[in-house]
Amino acid sequence: MMSIEMAWYDWVGIVGTLLILGGFFLLQAGRMSGNGLAYQLMNLLGAAGILVSLLGKFNVSVFVLELAWMLVSGYGIVRGIRLRRERQL
């Protein structure tokens, strides 16, 4: 019998993965807007969670991917805030 021991950062990574996949599913199902703050936050926090999981075993390709994912999500959040402000003027 094989047992899998998971540290706290593994759990954070799983939650991050579920956030990204859940957001993508909701987007594909038409239940969420790709331009919405909720979708962008799910991606940003999900990628951050996956980055935290790298504390257990570092992987440079995953690090680059998730860092880029966070940067793009952050850009989307800033862009969305700017667009909402412009609409209010």
PDB file of N, CA and C in Angstrom:
ATOM      1  N   MET A   1       0.833  -1.171   0.000  1.00  0.00           N
ATOM      2  CA  MET A   1       0.000   0.000   0.000  1.00  0.00           C
ATOM      3  C   MET A   1       0.886   1.246   0.000  1.00  0.00           C
ATOM      4  N   MET A   2       0.578   2.150  -0.915  1.00  0.00           N
ATOM      5  CA  MET A   2       1.366   3.370  -1.030  1.00  0.00           C
ATOM      6  C   MET A   2       0.630   4.524  -0.350  1.00  0.00           C
ATOM      7  N   SER A   3       1.345   5.230   0.502  1.00  0.00           N
ATOM      8  CA  SER A   3       0.712   6.386   1.138  1.00  0.00           C
ATOM      9  C   SER A   3       1.341   7.665   0.582  1.00  0.00           C
ATOM     10  N   ILE A   4       0.505   8.650   0.422  1.00  0.00           N
ATOM     11  CA  ILE A   4       0.968   9.932  -0.086  1.00  0.00           C
ATOM     12  C   ILE A   4       0.914  10.927   1.057  1.00  0.00           C
ATOM     13  N   GLU A   5       2.059  11.478   1.384  1.00  0.00           N
ATOM     14  CA  GLU A   5       2.106  12.495   2.414  1.00  0.00           C
ATOM     15  C   GLU A   5       2.124  13.856   1.737  1.00  0.00           C
ATOM     16  N   MET A   6       1.228  14.715   2.195  1.00  0.00           N
ATOM     17  CA  MET A   6       1.159  16.034   1.597  1.00  0.00           C
ATOM     18  C   MET A   6       1.406  17.095   2.644  1.00  0.00           C
ATOM     19  N   ALA A   7       2.261  18.043   2.303  1.00  0.00           N
ATOM     20  CA  ALA A   7       2.552  19.176   3.173  1.00  0.00           C
ATOM     21  C   ALA A   7       1.530  20.285   2.911  1.00  0.00           C
ATOM     22  N   TRP A   8       1.540  21.311   3.735  1.00  0.00           N
ATOM     23  CA  TRP A   8       0.590  22.418   3.594  1.00  0.00           C
ATOM     24  C   TRP A   8       0.687  23.069   2.230  1.00  0.00           C
ATOM     25  N   TYR A   9       1.919  23.209   1.687  1.00  0.00           N
ATOM     26  CA  TYR A   9       2.079  23.862   0.394  1.00  0.00           C
ATOM     27  C   TYR A   9       1.517  23.013  -0.745  1.00  0.00           C
ATOM     28  N   ASP A  10       1.462  21.700  -0.565  1.00  0.00           N
ATOM     29  CA  ASP A  10       0.812  20.844  -1.562  1.00  0.00           C
ATOM     30  C   ASP A  10      -0.684  21.146  -1.613  1.00  0.00           C
ATOM     31  N   TRP A  11      -1.283  21.321  -0.440  1.00  0.00           N
ATOM     32  CA  TRP A  11      -2.715  21.643  -0.377  1.00  0.00           C
ATOM     33  C   TRP A  11      -3.002  23.009  -0.986  1.00  0.00           C
ATOM     34  N   VAL A  12      -2.121  23.968  -0.743  1.00  0.00           N
ATOM     35  CA  VAL A  12      -2.277  25.299  -1.345  1.00  0.00           C
ATOM     36  C   VAL A  12      -2.218  25.183  -2.868  1.00  0.00           C
ATOM     37  N   GLY A  13      -1.316  24.355  -3.378  1.00  0.00           N
ATOM     38  CA  GLY A  13      -1.210  24.141  -4.813  1.00  0.00           C
ATOM     39  C   GLY A  13      -2.453  23.487  -5.402  1.00  0.00           C
ATOM     40  N   ILE A  14      -3.029  22.552  -4.681  1.00  0.00           N
ATOM     41  CA  ILE A  14      -4.260  21.905  -5.155  1.00  0.00           C
ATOM     42  C   ILE A  14      -5.404  22.912  -5.209  1.00  0.00           C
ATOM     43  N   VAL A  15      -5.523  23.739  -4.173  1.00  0.00           N
ATOM     44  CA  VAL A  15      -6.563  24.775  -4.177  1.00  0.00           C
ATOM     45  C   VAL A  15      -6.341  25.731  -5.345  1.00  0.00           C
ATOM     46  N   GLY A  16      -5.083  26.109  -5.587  1.00  0.00           N
ATOM     47  CA  GLY A  16      -4.771  26.974  -6.716  1.00  0.00           C
ATOM     48  C   GLY A  16      -5.168  26.361  -8.042  1.00  0.00           C
ATOM     49  N   THR A  17      -4.864  25.100  -8.205  1.00  0.00           N
ATOM     50  CA  THR A  17      -5.225  24.382  -9.430  1.00  0.00           C
ATOM     51  C   THR A  17      -6.738  24.350  -9.604  1.00  0.00           C
ATOM     52  N   LEU A  18      -7.457  24.070  -8.512  1.00  0.00           N
ATOM     53  CA  LEU A  18      -8.920  24.042  -8.587  1.00  0.00           C
ATOM     54  C   LEU A  18      -9.508  25.410  -8.922  1.00  0.00           C
ATOM     55  N   LEU A  19      -8.888  26.473  -8.416  1.00  0.00           N
ATOM     56  CA  LEU A  19      -9.358  27.820  -8.751  1.00  0.00           C
ATOM     57  C   LEU A  19      -9.221  28.093 -10.251  1.00  0.00           C
ATOM     58  N   ILE A  20      -8.058  27.781 -10.801  1.00  0.00           N
ATOM     59  CA  ILE A  20      -7.836  28.020 -12.229  1.00  0.00           C
ATOM     60  C   ILE A  20      -8.775  27.160 -13.075  1.00  0.00           C
ATOM     61  N   LEU A  21      -8.849  25.883 -12.762  1.00  0.00           N
ATOM     62  CA  LEU A  21      -9.715  24.990 -13.536  1.00  0.00           C
ATOM     63  C   LEU A  21     -11.186  25.334 -13.369  1.00  0.00           C
ATOM     64  N   GLY A  22     -11.581  25.696 -12.143  1.00  0.00           N
ATOM     65  CA  GLY A  22     -12.968  26.084 -11.906  1.00  0.00           C
ATOM     66  C   GLY A  22     -13.342  27.333 -12.679  1.00  0.00           C
ATOM     67  N   GLY A  23     -12.462  28.326 -12.676  1.00  0.00           N
ATOM     68  CA  GLY A  23     -12.709  29.537 -13.443  1.00  0.00           C
ATOM     69  C   GLY A  23     -12.803  29.257 -14.932  1.00  0.00           C
ATOM     70  N   PHE A  24     -11.921  28.419 -15.439  1.00  0.00           N
ATOM     71  CA  PHE A  24     -11.938  28.075 -16.855  1.00  0.00           C
ATOM     72  C   PHE A  24     -13.222  27.334 -17.219  1.00  0.00           C
ATOM     73  N   PHE A  25     -13.644  26.414 -16.357  1.00  0.00           N
ATOM     74  CA  PHE A  25     -14.896  25.702 -16.612  1.00  0.00           C
ATOM     75  C   PHE A  25     -16.077  26.667 -16.637  1.00  0.00           C
ATOM     76  N   LEU A  26     -16.141  27.566 -15.641  1.00  0.00           N
ATOM     77  CA  LEU A  26     -17.244  28.525 -15.591  1.00  0.00           C
ATOM     78  C   LEU A  26     -17.234  29.449 -16.809  1.00  0.00           C
ATOM     79  N   LEU A  27     -16.055  29.810 -17.273  1.00  0.00           N
ATOM     80  CA  LEU A  27     -15.951  30.622 -18.487  1.00  0.00           C
ATOM     81  C   LEU A  27     -16.486  29.856 -19.689  1.00  0.00           C
ATOM     82  N   GLN A  28     -16.083  28.608 -19.836  1.00  0.00           N
ATOM     83  CA  GLN A  28     -16.523  27.795 -20.967  1.00  0.00           C
ATOM     84  C   GLN A  28     -18.017  27.499 -20.909  1.00  0.00           C
ATOM     85  N   ALA A  29     -18.558  27.405 -19.708  1.00  0.00           N
ATOM     86  CA  ALA A  29     -19.983  27.118 -19.528  1.00  0.00           C
ATOM     87  C   ALA A  29     -20.833  28.378 -19.686  1.00  0.00           C
ATOM     88  N   GLY A  30     -20.193  29.522 -19.906  1.00  0.00           N
ATOM     89  CA  GLY A  30     -20.921  30.770 -20.061  1.00  0.00           C
ATOM     90  C   GLY A  30     -21.454  31.333 -18.760  1.00  0.00           C
ATOM     91  N   ARG A  31     -20.921  30.871 -17.643  1.00  0.00           N
ATOM     92  CA  ARG A  31     -21.390  31.309 -16.323  1.00  0.00           C
ATOM     93  C   ARG A  31     -20.518  32.420 -15.743  1.00  0.00           C
ATOM     94  N   MET A  32     -19.445  32.768 -16.459  1.00  0.00           N
ATOM     95  CA  MET A  32     -18.521  33.772 -15.965  1.00  0.00           C
ATOM     96  C   MET A  32     -17.943  34.524 -17.157  1.00  0.00           C
ATOM     97  N   SER A  33     -17.686  35.805 -16.967  1.00  0.00           N
ATOM     98  CA  SER A  33     -17.095  36.627 -18.015  1.00  0.00           C
ATOM     99  C   SER A  33     -15.574  36.590 -17.902  1.00  0.00           C
ATOM    100  N   GLY A  34     -14.910  36.441 -19.019  1.00  0.00           N
ATOM    101  CA  GLY A  34     -13.450  36.451 -19.031  1.00  0.00           C
ATOM    102  C   GLY A  34     -12.867  37.808 -18.687  1.00  0.00           C
ATOM    103  N   ASN A  35     -13.675  38.849 -18.801  1.00  0.00           N
ATOM    104  CA  ASN A  35     -13.228  40.201 -18.456  1.00  0.00           C
ATOM    105  C   ASN A  35     -13.584  40.587 -17.029  1.00  0.00           C
ATOM    106  N   GLY A  36     -14.304  39.735 -16.348  1.00  0.00           N
ATOM    107  CA  GLY A  36     -14.776  40.057 -15.003  1.00  0.00           C
ATOM    108  C   GLY A  36     -13.694  39.937 -13.953  1.00  0.00           C
ATOM    109  N   LEU A  37     -13.874  40.680 -12.881  1.00  0.00           N
ATOM    110  CA  LEU A  37     -12.913  40.666 -11.783  1.00  0.00           C
ATOM    111  C   LEU A  37     -12.819  39.288 -11.126  1.00  0.00           C
ATOM    112  N   ALA A  38     -13.947  38.620 -10.969  1.00  0.00           N
ATOM    113  CA  ALA A  38     -13.941  37.300 -10.305  1.00  0.00           C
ATOM    114  C   ALA A  38     -13.058  36.313 -11.069  1.00  0.00           C
ATOM    115  N   TYR A  39     -13.195  36.293 -12.384  1.00  0.00           N
ATOM    116  CA  TYR A  39     -12.388  35.373 -13.197  1.00  0.00           C
ATOM    117  C   TYR A  39     -10.900  35.702 -13.079  1.00  0.00           C
ATOM    118  N   GLN A  40     -10.583  36.981 -13.154  1.00  0.00           N
ATOM    119  CA  GLN A  40      -9.177  37.393 -13.063  1.00  0.00           C
ATOM    120  C   GLN A  40      -8.589  37.067 -11.689  1.00  0.00           C
ATOM    121  N   LEU A  41      -9.378  37.277 -10.639  1.00  0.00           N
ATOM    122  CA  LEU A  41      -8.895  36.957  -9.293  1.00  0.00           C
ATOM    123  C   LEU A  41      -8.708  35.451  -9.101  1.00  0.00           C
ATOM    124  N   MET A  42      -9.613  34.659  -9.671  1.00  0.00           N
ATOM    125  CA  MET A  42      -9.457  33.197  -9.577  1.00  0.00           C
ATOM    126  C   MET A  42      -8.139  32.768 -10.228  1.00  0.00           C
ATOM    127  N   ASN A  43      -7.822  33.369 -11.363  1.00  0.00           N
ATOM    128  CA  ASN A  43      -6.568  33.040 -12.047  1.00  0.00           C
ATOM    129  C   ASN A  43      -5.352  33.529 -11.269  1.00  0.00           C
ATOM    130  N   LEU A  44      -5.417  34.751 -10.765  1.00  0.00           N
ATOM    131  CA  LEU A  44      -4.298  35.314 -10.015  1.00  0.00           C
ATOM    132  C   LEU A  44      -4.023  34.509  -8.755  1.00  0.00           C
ATOM    133  N   LEU A  45      -5.067  34.253  -7.975  1.00  0.00           N
ATOM    134  CA  LEU A  45      -4.891  33.498  -6.729  1.00  0.00           C
ATOM    135  C   LEU A  45      -4.547  32.040  -6.987  1.00  0.00           C
ATOM    136  N   GLY A  46      -5.107  31.477  -8.047  1.00  0.00           N
ATOM    137  CA  GLY A  46      -4.776  30.103  -8.403  1.00  0.00           C
ATOM    138  C   GLY A  46      -3.314  29.944  -8.762  1.00  0.00           C
ATOM    139  N   ALA A  47      -2.820  30.863  -9.592  1.00  0.00           N
ATOM    140  CA  ALA A  47      -1.405  30.814  -9.985  1.00  0.00           C
ATOM    141  C   ALA A  47      -0.504  31.026  -8.771  1.00  0.00           C
ATOM    142  N   ALA A  48      -0.911  31.932  -7.874  1.00  0.00           N
ATOM    143  CA  ALA A  48      -0.125  32.157  -6.653  1.00  0.00           C
ATOM    144  C   ALA A  48      -0.066  30.885  -5.813  1.00  0.00           C
ATOM    145  N   GLY A  49      -1.189  30.179  -5.720  1.00  0.00           N
ATOM    146  CA  GLY A  49      -1.209  28.931  -4.966  1.00  0.00           C
ATOM    147  C   GLY A  49      -0.285  27.883  -5.561  1.00  0.00           C
ATOM    148  N   ILE A  50      -0.274  27.809  -6.874  1.00  0.00           N
ATOM    149  CA  ILE A  50       0.623  26.840  -7.528  1.00  0.00           C
ATOM    150  C   ILE A  50       2.078  27.236  -7.302  1.00  0.00           C
ATOM    151  N   LEU A  51       2.370  28.537  -7.331  1.00  0.00           N
ATOM    152  CA  LEU A  51       3.741  28.983  -7.033  1.00  0.00           C
ATOM    153  C   LEU A  51       4.150  28.591  -5.619  1.00  0.00           C
ATOM    154  N   VAL A  52       3.240  28.729  -4.666  1.00  0.00           N
ATOM    155  CA  VAL A  52       3.539  28.335  -3.283  1.00  0.00           C
ATOM    156  C   VAL A  52       3.866  26.845  -3.221  1.00  0.00           C
ATOM    157  N   SER A  53       3.178  26.048  -4.016  1.00  0.00           N
ATOM    158  CA  SER A  53       3.424  24.601  -3.988  1.00  0.00           C
ATOM    159  C   SER A  53       4.840  24.252  -4.430  1.00  0.00           C
ATOM    160  N   LEU A  54       5.487  25.154  -5.140  1.00  0.00           N
ATOM    161  CA  LEU A  54       6.860  24.903  -5.584  1.00  0.00           C
ATOM    162  C   LEU A  54       7.868  24.952  -4.446  1.00  0.00           C
ATOM    163  N   LEU A  55       7.421  25.354  -3.255  1.00  0.00           N
ATOM    164  CA  LEU A  55       8.300  25.297  -2.090  1.00  0.00           C
ATOM    165  C   LEU A  55       8.715  23.856  -1.805  1.00  0.00           C
ATOM    166  N   GLY A  56       7.864  22.912  -2.160  1.00  0.00           N
ATOM    167  CA  GLY A  56       8.167  21.499  -1.925  1.00  0.00           C
ATOM    168  C   GLY A  56       9.168  20.948  -2.910  1.00  0.00           C
ATOM    169  N   LYS A  57       8.944  21.208  -4.170  1.00  0.00           N
ATOM    170  CA  LYS A  57       9.872  20.754  -5.209  1.00  0.00           C
ATOM    171  C   LYS A  57       9.817  21.770  -6.334  1.00  0.00           C
ATOM    172  N   PHE A  58      10.899  22.493  -6.518  1.00  0.00           N
ATOM    173  CA  PHE A  58      10.939  23.562  -7.504  1.00  0.00           C
ATOM    174  C   PHE A  58      10.995  22.996  -8.918  1.00  0.00           C
ATOM    175  N   ASN A  59      10.260  23.651  -9.804  1.00  0.00           N
ATOM    176  CA  ASN A  59      10.237  23.292 -11.218  1.00  0.00           C
ATOM    177  C   ASN A  59      10.249  24.603 -11.997  1.00  0.00           C
ATOM    178  N   VAL A  60      11.329  24.865 -12.711  1.00  0.00           N
ATOM    179  CA  VAL A  60      11.500  26.166 -13.360  1.00  0.00           C
ATOM    180  C   VAL A  60      10.423  26.447 -14.405  1.00  0.00           C
ATOM    181  N   SER A  61      10.003  25.450 -15.165  1.00  0.00           N
ATOM    182  CA  SER A  61       8.984  25.693 -16.189  1.00  0.00           C
ATOM    183  C   SER A  61       7.634  26.039 -15.567  1.00  0.00           C
ATOM    184  N   VAL A  62       7.283  25.393 -14.476  1.00  0.00           N
ATOM    185  CA  VAL A  62       6.038  25.722 -13.784  1.00  0.00           C
ATOM    186  C   VAL A  62       6.150  27.111 -13.166  1.00  0.00           C
ATOM    187  N   PHE A  63       7.307  27.445 -12.628  1.00  0.00           N
ATOM    188  CA  PHE A  63       7.523  28.767 -12.057  1.00  0.00           C
ATOM    189  C   PHE A  63       7.309  29.859 -13.106  1.00  0.00           C
ATOM    190  N   VAL A  64       7.915  29.706 -14.274  1.00  0.00           N
ATOM    191  CA  VAL A  64       7.776  30.699 -15.350  1.00  0.00           C
ATOM    192  C   VAL A  64       6.321  30.793 -15.800  1.00  0.00           C
ATOM    193  N   LEU A  65       5.664  29.660 -15.983  1.00  0.00           N
ATOM    194  CA  LEU A  65       4.268  29.647 -16.417  1.00  0.00           C
ATOM    195  C   LEU A  65       3.371  30.360 -15.415  1.00  0.00           C
ATOM    196  N   GLU A  66       3.487  30.040 -14.154  1.00  0.00           N
ATOM    197  CA  GLU A  66       2.598  30.606 -13.142  1.00  0.00           C
ATOM    198  C   GLU A  66       2.908  32.070 -12.867  1.00  0.00           C
ATOM    199  N   LEU A  67       4.175  32.453 -12.957  1.00  0.00           N
ATOM    200  CA  LEU A  67       4.522  33.865 -12.814  1.00  0.00           C
ATOM    201  C   LEU A  67       3.902  34.671 -13.958  1.00  0.00           C
ATOM    202  N   ALA A  68       4.013  34.155 -15.179  1.00  0.00           N
ATOM    203  CA  ALA A  68       3.394  34.817 -16.336  1.00  0.00           C
ATOM    204  C   ALA A  68       1.875  34.863 -16.169  1.00  0.00           C
ATOM    205  N   TRP A  69       1.291  33.785 -15.665  1.00  0.00           N
ATOM    206  CA  TRP A  69      -0.162  33.710 -15.444  1.00  0.00           C
ATOM    207  C   TRP A  69      -0.598  34.804 -14.467  1.00  0.00           C
ATOM    208  N   MET A  70       0.191  34.997 -13.414  1.00  0.00           N
ATOM    209  CA  MET A  70      -0.123  36.038 -12.440  1.00  0.00           C
ATOM    210  C   MET A  70       0.007  37.433 -13.046  1.00  0.00           C
ATOM    211  N   LEU A  71       1.046  37.640 -13.835  1.00  0.00           N
ATOM    212  CA  LEU A  71       1.244  38.955 -14.460  1.00  0.00           C
ATOM    213  C   LEU A  71       0.112  39.290 -15.419  1.00  0.00           C
ATOM    214  N   VAL A  72      -0.290  38.324 -16.227  1.00  0.00           N
ATOM    215  CA  VAL A  72      -1.392  38.555 -17.165  1.00  0.00           C
ATOM    216  C   VAL A  72      -2.693  38.796 -16.405  1.00  0.00           C
ATOM    217  N   SER A  73      -2.929  38.039 -15.362  1.00  0.00           N
ATOM    218  CA  SER A  73      -4.133  38.233 -14.552  1.00  0.00           C
ATOM    219  C   SER A  73      -4.120  39.607 -13.886  1.00  0.00           C
ATOM    220  N   GLY A  74      -2.974  40.000 -13.370  1.00  0.00           N
ATOM    221  CA  GLY A  74      -2.849  41.328 -12.772  1.00  0.00           C
ATOM    222  C   GLY A  74      -3.119  42.426 -13.789  1.00  0.00           C
ATOM    223  N   TYR A  75      -2.591  42.247 -14.996  1.00  0.00           N
ATOM    224  CA  TYR A  75      -2.867  43.197 -16.073  1.00  0.00           C
ATOM    225  C   TYR A  75      -4.366  43.271 -16.357  1.00  0.00           C
ATOM    226  N   GLY A  76      -5.020  42.123 -16.394  1.00  0.00           N
ATOM    227  CA  GLY A  76      -6.460  42.084 -16.647  1.00  0.00           C
ATOM    228  C   GLY A  76      -7.250  42.798 -15.563  1.00  0.00           C
ATOM    229  N   ILE A  77      -6.816  42.657 -14.320  1.00  0.00           N
ATOM    230  CA  ILE A  77      -7.491  43.329 -13.208  1.00  0.00           C
ATOM    231  C   ILE A  77      -7.342  44.841 -13.341  1.00  0.00           C
ATOM    232  N   VAL A  78      -6.117  45.307 -13.594  1.00  0.00           N
ATOM    233  CA  VAL A  78      -5.874  46.743 -13.743  1.00  0.00           C
ATOM    234  C   VAL A  78      -6.644  47.298 -14.933  1.00  0.00           C
ATOM    235  N   ARG A  79      -6.628  46.574 -16.030  1.00  0.00           N
ATOM    236  CA  ARG A  79      -7.353  47.012 -17.234  1.00  0.00           C
ATOM    237  C   ARG A  79      -8.849  47.113 -16.960  1.00  0.00           C
ATOM    238  N   GLY A  80      -9.394  46.128 -16.280  1.00  0.00           N
ATOM    239  CA  GLY A  80     -10.812  46.131 -15.950  1.00  0.00           C
ATOM    240  C   GLY A  80     -11.194  47.303 -15.058  1.00  0.00           C
ATOM    241  N   ILE A  81     -10.349  47.592 -14.073  1.00  0.00           N
ATOM    242  CA  ILE A  81     -10.607  48.723 -13.177  1.00  0.00           C
ATOM    243  C   ILE A  81     -10.592  50.027 -13.971  1.00  0.00           C
ATOM    244  N   ARG A  82      -9.623  50.172 -14.857  1.00  0.00           N
ATOM    245  CA  ARG A  82      -9.542  51.394 -15.682  1.00  0.00           C
ATOM    246  C   ARG A  82     -10.764  51.541 -16.583  1.00  0.00           C
ATOM    247  N   LEU A  83     -11.190  50.453 -17.194  1.00  0.00           N
ATOM    248  CA  LEU A  83     -12.363  50.518 -18.065  1.00  0.00           C
ATOM    249  C   LEU A  83     -13.619  50.900 -17.296  1.00  0.00           C
ATOM    250  N   ARG A  84     -13.776  50.331 -16.091  1.00  0.00           N
ATOM    251  CA  ARG A  84     -14.949  50.674 -15.274  1.00  0.00           C
ATOM    252  C   ARG A  84     -14.932  52.143 -14.867  1.00  0.00           C
ATOM    253  N   ARG A  85     -13.752  52.657 -14.550  1.00  0.00           N
ATOM    254  CA  ARG A  85     -13.638  54.081 -14.190  1.00  0.00           C
ATOM    255  C   ARG A  85     -13.982  54.978 -15.380  1.00  0.00           C
ATOM    256  N   GLU A  86     -13.508  54.603 -16.563  1.00  0.00           N
ATOM    257  CA  GLU A  86     -13.794  55.408 -17.763  1.00  0.00           C
ATOM    258  C   GLU A  86     -15.284  55.426 -18.072  1.00  0.00           C
ATOM    259  N   ARG A  87     -15.947  54.324 -17.849  1.00  0.00           N
ATOM    260  CA  ARG A  87     -17.396  54.247 -18.107  1.00  0.00           C
ATOM    261  C   ARG A  87     -18.173  55.133 -17.136  1.00  0.00           C
ATOM    262  N   GLN A  88     -17.647  55.317 -15.943  1.00  0.00           N
ATOM    263  CA  GLN A  88     -18.342  56.137 -14.940  1.00  0.00           C
ATOM    264  C   GLN A  88     -18.213  57.627 -15.227  1.00  0.00           C
ATOM    265  N   LEU A  89     -17.232  58.018 -16.013  1.00  0.00           N
ATOM    266  CA  LEU A  89     -17.041  59.449 -16.315  1.00  0.00           C
ATOM    267  C   LEU A  89     -18.011  59.968 -17.307  1.00  0.00           C
TER     268      LEU A  89
END
